[in-house]
Amino acid sequence: MIVGYHFIKIPDENLCIGLLKDIKEKQGIVCRRCDSSEYYWKQDKTVFECKECGLRTSLKVGTIMNRSRLPIYYWVLAVNCILSGSSKLTIKDIQRVLKHNRYEPILEMCNTIRIQLERLKPERKSGTSLISFSEMPLSEQHFFTWAEFKNESHRKIDQKLIILYLEWLSKSPEIYN
């Protein structure tokens, strides 16, 4: 059984939007139409808008979440469930955690996440799967070591995990033939 970390307070959509916006700005935003890198944030629509041609770009464009209508925090919670859940965790269990009525969108989201995680080809060291997200490694045992060694509050750990998951979700999906 995999020992995992469960969020103390479930992240809300506004927090996830703000964090993902910051991540996307650090990565750099380039207009698909005119290649301009000048943009501004439209708070009311939660999109970036090109200053040159006016093309609006969603936060999910070019990410693993591309074309998904599900909220961003669903993706964060699903990644957390998949990485920290036991091998007996089902899509129905994740659907119950998310409190979502329909099974199909949750199935599609979880399949996308699992496929992308499998493509990372995690290293196996001493029975623990180690998956590298940016500079920070994430493993089944790592969830509790943050709390034990750094003596941080659960809220700060939650925030670090959310940022970690969003950094991974913001990457372009790996496509293999």
C-alpha atoms as a PDB file:
ATOM      1  CA  MET A   1       0.000   0.000   0.000  1.00  0.00           C
ATOM      2  CA  ILE A   2       1.275   3.454  -0.886  1.00  0.00           C
ATOM      3  CA  VAL A   3       1.410   5.961   1.930  1.00  0.00           C
ATOM      4  CA  GLY A   4       0.283   9.333   0.658  1.00  0.00           C
ATOM      5  CA  TYR A   5      -0.547  12.866   1.525  1.00  0.00           C
ATOM      6  CA  HIS A   6      -4.080  14.174   1.469  1.00  0.00           C
ATOM      7  CA  PHE A   7      -4.750  17.883   1.432  1.00  0.00           C
ATOM      8  CA  ILE A   8      -5.835  19.365   4.745  1.00  0.00           C
ATOM      9  CA  LYS A   9      -7.922  21.969   2.920  1.00  0.00           C
ATOM     10  CA  ILE A  10      -9.048  21.216  -0.619  1.00  0.00           C
ATOM     11  CA  PRO A  11      -7.633  23.882  -2.942  1.00  0.00           C
ATOM     12  CA  ASP A  12     -10.152  26.223  -4.502  1.00  0.00           C
ATOM     13  CA  GLU A  13     -10.325  27.198  -8.168  1.00  0.00           C
ATOM     14  CA  ASN A  14      -9.199  30.814  -7.616  1.00  0.00           C
ATOM     15  CA  LEU A  15      -6.001  29.691  -5.861  1.00  0.00           C
ATOM     16  CA  CYS A  16      -5.244  27.233  -8.685  1.00  0.00           C
ATOM     17  CA  ILE A  17      -5.936  29.864 -11.364  1.00  0.00           C
ATOM     18  CA  GLY A  18      -3.621  32.357  -9.660  1.00  0.00           C
ATOM     19  CA  LEU A  19      -0.801  29.837  -9.235  1.00  0.00           C
ATOM     20  CA  LEU A  20      -1.140  28.493 -12.791  1.00  0.00           C
ATOM     21  CA  LYS A  21      -1.197  32.073 -14.156  1.00  0.00           C
ATOM     22  CA  ASP A  22       2.100  32.778 -12.367  1.00  0.00           C
ATOM     23  CA  ILE A  23       3.629  29.553 -13.691  1.00  0.00           C
ATOM     24  CA  LYS A  24       2.537  30.315 -17.265  1.00  0.00           C
ATOM     25  CA  GLU A  25       3.931  33.868 -17.032  1.00  0.00           C
ATOM     26  CA  LYS A  26       7.306  32.508 -15.872  1.00  0.00           C
ATOM     27  CA  GLN A  27       7.318  30.043 -18.784  1.00  0.00           C
ATOM     28  CA  GLY A  28       6.552  32.876 -21.185  1.00  0.00           C
ATOM     29  CA  ILE A  29       3.441  33.411 -23.255  1.00  0.00           C
ATOM     30  CA  VAL A  30       3.700  33.736 -27.019  1.00  0.00           C
ATOM     31  CA  CYS A  31       0.701  34.455 -29.231  1.00  0.00           C
ATOM     32  CA  ARG A  32      -0.139  31.585 -31.580  1.00  0.00           C
ATOM     33  CA  ARG A  33      -1.354  34.009 -34.255  1.00  0.00           C
ATOM     34  CA  CYS A  34       1.249  36.806 -34.374  1.00  0.00           C
ATOM     35  CA  ASP A  35       4.159  35.444 -32.236  1.00  0.00           C
ATOM     36  CA  SER A  36       4.001  38.489 -29.969  1.00  0.00           C
ATOM     37  CA  SER A  37       5.057  38.046 -26.358  1.00  0.00           C
ATOM     38  CA  GLU A  38       3.147  41.118 -25.179  1.00  0.00           C
ATOM     39  CA  TYR A  39      -0.086  40.277 -23.426  1.00  0.00           C
ATOM     40  CA  TYR A  40      -2.272  41.233 -20.537  1.00  0.00           C
ATOM     41  CA  TRP A  41      -4.405  39.238 -18.147  1.00  0.00           C
ATOM     42  CA  LYS A  42      -8.186  39.493 -18.491  1.00  0.00           C
ATOM     43  CA  GLN A  43      -9.371  38.809 -14.955  1.00  0.00           C
ATOM     44  CA  ASP A  44     -13.059  38.601 -15.897  1.00  0.00           C
ATOM     45  CA  LYS A  45     -12.437  35.856 -18.504  1.00  0.00           C
ATOM     46  CA  THR A  46      -9.357  34.299 -16.814  1.00  0.00           C
ATOM     47  CA  VAL A  47      -7.424  34.344 -20.095  1.00  0.00           C
ATOM     48  CA  PHE A  48      -4.350  36.049 -21.520  1.00  0.00           C
ATOM     49  CA  GLU A  49      -5.036  38.485 -24.361  1.00  0.00           C
ATOM     50  CA  CYS A  50      -2.416  39.462 -26.934  1.00  0.00           C
ATOM     51  CA  LYS A  51      -1.785  43.226 -27.056  1.00  0.00           C
ATOM     52  CA  GLU A  52      -1.013  43.054 -30.792  1.00  0.00           C
ATOM     53  CA  CYS A  53      -3.851  41.007 -32.307  1.00  0.00           C
ATOM     54  CA  GLY A  54      -6.274  40.492 -29.407  1.00  0.00           C
ATOM     55  CA  LEU A  55      -6.170  36.669 -29.486  1.00  0.00           C
ATOM     56  CA  ARG A  56      -7.254  35.210 -26.164  1.00  0.00           C
ATOM     57  CA  THR A  57      -5.392  32.235 -24.757  1.00  0.00           C
ATOM     58  CA  SER A  58      -6.777  30.049 -21.975  1.00  0.00           C
ATOM     59  CA  LEU A  59      -4.607  28.928 -19.078  1.00  0.00           C
ATOM     60  CA  LYS A  60      -5.101  25.320 -20.195  1.00  0.00           C
ATOM     61  CA  VAL A  61      -3.839  25.798 -23.785  1.00  0.00           C
ATOM     62  CA  GLY A  62      -0.621  23.878 -24.385  1.00  0.00           C
ATOM     63  CA  THR A  63      -0.938  21.922 -21.136  1.00  0.00           C
ATOM     64  CA  ILE A  64      -1.967  18.441 -20.163  1.00  0.00           C
ATOM     65  CA  MET A  65      -5.375  19.967 -19.320  1.00  0.00           C
ATOM     66  CA  ASN A  66      -5.881  21.337 -22.853  1.00  0.00           C
ATOM     67  CA  ARG A  67      -9.539  21.433 -23.997  1.00  0.00           C
ATOM     68  CA  SER A  68     -10.801  20.179 -20.654  1.00  0.00           C
ATOM     69  CA  ARG A  69     -13.875  21.849 -19.215  1.00  0.00           C
ATOM     70  CA  LEU A  70     -13.156  20.517 -15.758  1.00  0.00           C
ATOM     71  CA  PRO A  71     -11.930  23.005 -13.156  1.00  0.00           C
ATOM     72  CA  ILE A  72      -8.187  23.216 -12.602  1.00  0.00           C
ATOM     73  CA  TYR A  73      -8.501  22.169  -8.973  1.00  0.00           C
ATOM     74  CA  TYR A  74     -10.084  18.883 -10.140  1.00  0.00           C
ATOM     75  CA  TRP A  75      -6.844  18.157 -11.994  1.00  0.00           C
ATOM     76  CA  VAL A  76      -4.757  18.988  -8.920  1.00  0.00           C
ATOM     77  CA  LEU A  77      -6.884  16.749  -6.701  1.00  0.00           C
ATOM     78  CA  ALA A  78      -6.862  13.932  -9.265  1.00  0.00           C
ATOM     79  CA  VAL A  79      -3.044  14.032  -9.530  1.00  0.00           C
ATOM     80  CA  ASN A  80      -2.873  13.966  -5.733  1.00  0.00           C
ATOM     81  CA  CYS A  81      -5.265  10.996  -5.558  1.00  0.00           C
ATOM     82  CA  ILE A  82      -3.399   9.075  -8.248  1.00  0.00           C
ATOM     83  CA  LEU A  83       0.050   9.693  -6.744  1.00  0.00           C
ATOM     84  CA  SER A  84      -0.895   9.216  -3.106  1.00  0.00           C
ATOM     85  CA  GLY A  85      -3.704   6.682  -3.359  1.00  0.00           C
ATOM     86  CA  SER A  86      -3.431   2.969  -2.969  1.00  0.00           C
ATOM     87  CA  SER A  87      -3.401   0.657  -5.956  1.00  0.00           C
ATOM     88  CA  LYS A  88      -7.045  -0.164  -5.191  1.00  0.00           C
ATOM     89  CA  LEU A  89      -8.134   3.431  -5.825  1.00  0.00           C
ATOM     90  CA  THR A  90     -10.764   3.517  -8.577  1.00  0.00           C
ATOM     91  CA  ILE A  91     -12.089   6.239 -10.858  1.00  0.00           C
ATOM     92  CA  LYS A  92     -15.346   6.075  -8.866  1.00  0.00           C
ATOM     93  CA  ASP A  93     -13.359   6.836  -5.693  1.00  0.00           C
ATOM     94  CA  ILE A  94     -11.770   9.875  -7.347  1.00  0.00           C
ATOM     95  CA  GLN A  95     -15.200  10.923  -8.633  1.00  0.00           C
ATOM     96  CA  ARG A  96     -16.508  10.756  -5.048  1.00  0.00           C
ATOM     97  CA  VAL A  97     -13.569  12.836  -3.757  1.00  0.00           C
ATOM     98  CA  LEU A  98     -14.274  15.458  -6.452  1.00  0.00           C
ATOM     99  CA  LYS A  99     -18.052  15.290  -5.820  1.00  0.00           C
ATOM    100  CA  HIS A 100     -18.650  15.272  -9.567  1.00  0.00           C
ATOM    101  CA  ASN A 101     -21.904  13.864 -10.986  1.00  0.00           C
ATOM    102  CA  ARG A 102     -20.635  12.442 -14.274  1.00  0.00           C
ATOM    103  CA  TYR A 103     -18.192   9.537 -14.535  1.00  0.00           C
ATOM    104  CA  GLU A 104     -16.942  10.019 -18.128  1.00  0.00           C
ATOM    105  CA  PRO A 105     -15.097  13.361 -17.729  1.00  0.00           C
ATOM    106  CA  ILE A 106     -13.373  12.077 -14.588  1.00  0.00           C
ATOM    107  CA  LEU A 107     -12.385   8.872 -16.392  1.00  0.00           C
ATOM    108  CA  GLU A 108     -10.929  10.869 -19.296  1.00  0.00           C
ATOM    109  CA  MET A 109      -9.027  13.193 -16.933  1.00  0.00           C
ATOM    110  CA  CYS A 110      -7.584  10.312 -14.893  1.00  0.00           C
ATOM    111  CA  ASN A 111      -6.595   8.403 -18.029  1.00  0.00           C
ATOM    112  CA  THR A 112      -4.802  11.495 -19.358  1.00  0.00           C
ATOM    113  CA  ILE A 113      -2.943  11.923 -16.067  1.00  0.00           C
ATOM    114  CA  ARG A 114      -1.988   8.244 -15.853  1.00  0.00           C
ATOM    115  CA  ILE A 115      -0.779   8.145 -19.461  1.00  0.00           C
ATOM    116  CA  GLN A 116       1.388  11.228 -18.920  1.00  0.00           C
ATOM    117  CA  LEU A 117       2.755   9.837 -15.644  1.00  0.00           C
ATOM    118  CA  GLU A 118       3.612   6.523 -17.320  1.00  0.00           C
ATOM    119  CA  ARG A 119       5.521   8.397 -20.014  1.00  0.00           C
ATOM    120  CA  LEU A 120       7.794   9.909 -17.375  1.00  0.00           C
ATOM    121  CA  LYS A 121       9.361   6.450 -16.954  1.00  0.00           C
ATOM    122  CA  PRO A 122       9.942   6.759 -13.209  1.00  0.00           C
ATOM    123  CA  GLU A 123      13.145   5.425 -11.745  1.00  0.00           C
ATOM    124  CA  ARG A 124      12.816   2.634  -9.223  1.00  0.00           C
ATOM    125  CA  LYS A 125      14.982   3.011  -6.124  1.00  0.00           C
ATOM    126  CA  SER A 126      14.481   0.817  -3.087  1.00  0.00           C
ATOM    127  CA  GLY A 127      10.855   0.063  -3.908  1.00  0.00           C
ATOM    128  CA  THR A 128       9.856   3.726  -4.126  1.00  0.00           C
ATOM    129  CA  SER A 129       8.841   5.319  -7.388  1.00  0.00           C
ATOM    130  CA  LEU A 130      10.578   8.640  -7.883  1.00  0.00           C
ATOM    131  CA  ILE A 131       9.064  11.034 -10.363  1.00  0.00           C
ATOM    132  CA  SER A 132      10.875  14.281 -11.057  1.00  0.00           C
ATOM    133  CA  PHE A 133       8.723  17.373 -11.434  1.00  0.00           C
ATOM    134  CA  SER A 134      10.966  20.302 -12.381  1.00  0.00           C
ATOM    135  CA  GLU A 135      13.711  20.479  -9.769  1.00  0.00           C
ATOM    136  CA  MET A 136      11.726  18.865  -6.960  1.00  0.00           C
ATOM    137  CA  PRO A 137      11.446  15.068  -6.656  1.00  0.00           C
ATOM    138  CA  LEU A 138       8.157  13.588  -5.597  1.00  0.00           C
ATOM    139  CA  SER A 139       7.834  10.112  -4.182  1.00  0.00           C
ATOM    140  CA  GLU A 140       5.340   8.181  -2.129  1.00  0.00           C
ATOM    141  CA  GLN A 141       7.535   8.575   0.967  1.00  0.00           C
ATOM    142  CA  HIS A 142       8.372  12.231   0.282  1.00  0.00           C
ATOM    143  CA  PHE A 143       4.988  13.587   1.347  1.00  0.00           C
ATOM    144  CA  PHE A 144       5.664  13.122   5.045  1.00  0.00           C
ATOM    145  CA  THR A 145       9.376  13.922   4.972  1.00  0.00           C
ATOM    146  CA  TRP A 146       8.554  17.547   4.137  1.00  0.00           C
ATOM    147  CA  ALA A 147       6.547  17.828   7.349  1.00  0.00           C
ATOM    148  CA  GLU A 148       9.054  15.929   9.479  1.00  0.00           C
ATOM    149  CA  PHE A 149      12.275  17.586   8.344  1.00  0.00           C
ATOM    150  CA  LYS A 150      11.182  21.128   7.663  1.00  0.00           C
ATOM    151  CA  ASN A 151       8.604  21.483  10.451  1.00  0.00           C
ATOM    152  CA  GLU A 152       6.268  23.395   8.172  1.00  0.00           C
ATOM    153  CA  SER A 153       2.562  23.733   8.675  1.00  0.00           C
ATOM    154  CA  HIS A 154       0.259  21.544   6.615  1.00  0.00           C
ATOM    155  CA  ARG A 155      -0.973  24.606   4.771  1.00  0.00           C
ATOM    156  CA  LYS A 156       2.505  25.364   3.428  1.00  0.00           C
ATOM    157  CA  ILE A 157       2.927  21.727   2.408  1.00  0.00           C
ATOM    158  CA  ASP A 158      -0.435  21.882   0.643  1.00  0.00           C
ATOM    159  CA  GLN A 159       0.678  25.007  -1.228  1.00  0.00           C
ATOM    160  CA  LYS A 160       3.991  23.390  -2.263  1.00  0.00           C
ATOM    161  CA  LEU A 161       2.209  20.292  -3.525  1.00  0.00           C
ATOM    162  CA  ILE A 162      -0.347  22.349  -5.448  1.00  0.00           C
ATOM    163  CA  ILE A 163       2.450  24.347  -7.103  1.00  0.00           C
ATOM    164  CA  LEU A 164       4.339  21.131  -7.839  1.00  0.00           C
ATOM    165  CA  TYR A 165       1.298  19.515  -9.444  1.00  0.00           C
ATOM    166  CA  LEU A 166       0.438  22.656 -11.424  1.00  0.00           C
ATOM    167  CA  GLU A 167       4.011  22.931 -12.729  1.00  0.00           C
ATOM    168  CA  TRP A 168       3.713  19.399 -14.047  1.00  0.00           C
ATOM    169  CA  LEU A 169       0.185  19.920 -15.404  1.00  0.00           C
ATOM    170  CA  SER A 170       1.301  23.114 -17.183  1.00  0.00           C
ATOM    171  CA  LYS A 171       3.789  21.209 -19.328  1.00  0.00           C
ATOM    172  CA  SER A 172       2.944  20.171 -22.868  1.00  0.00           C
ATOM    173  CA  PRO A 173       1.694  16.606 -23.023  1.00  0.00           C
ATOM    174  CA  GLU A 174       4.203  14.046 -24.262  1.00  0.00           C
ATOM    175  CA  ILE A 175       3.075  12.492 -27.516  1.00  0.00           C
ATOM    176  CA  TYR A 176       4.614   9.249 -28.689  1.00  0.00           C
ATOM    177  CA  ASN A 177       3.957   7.326 -31.890  1.00  0.00           C
END
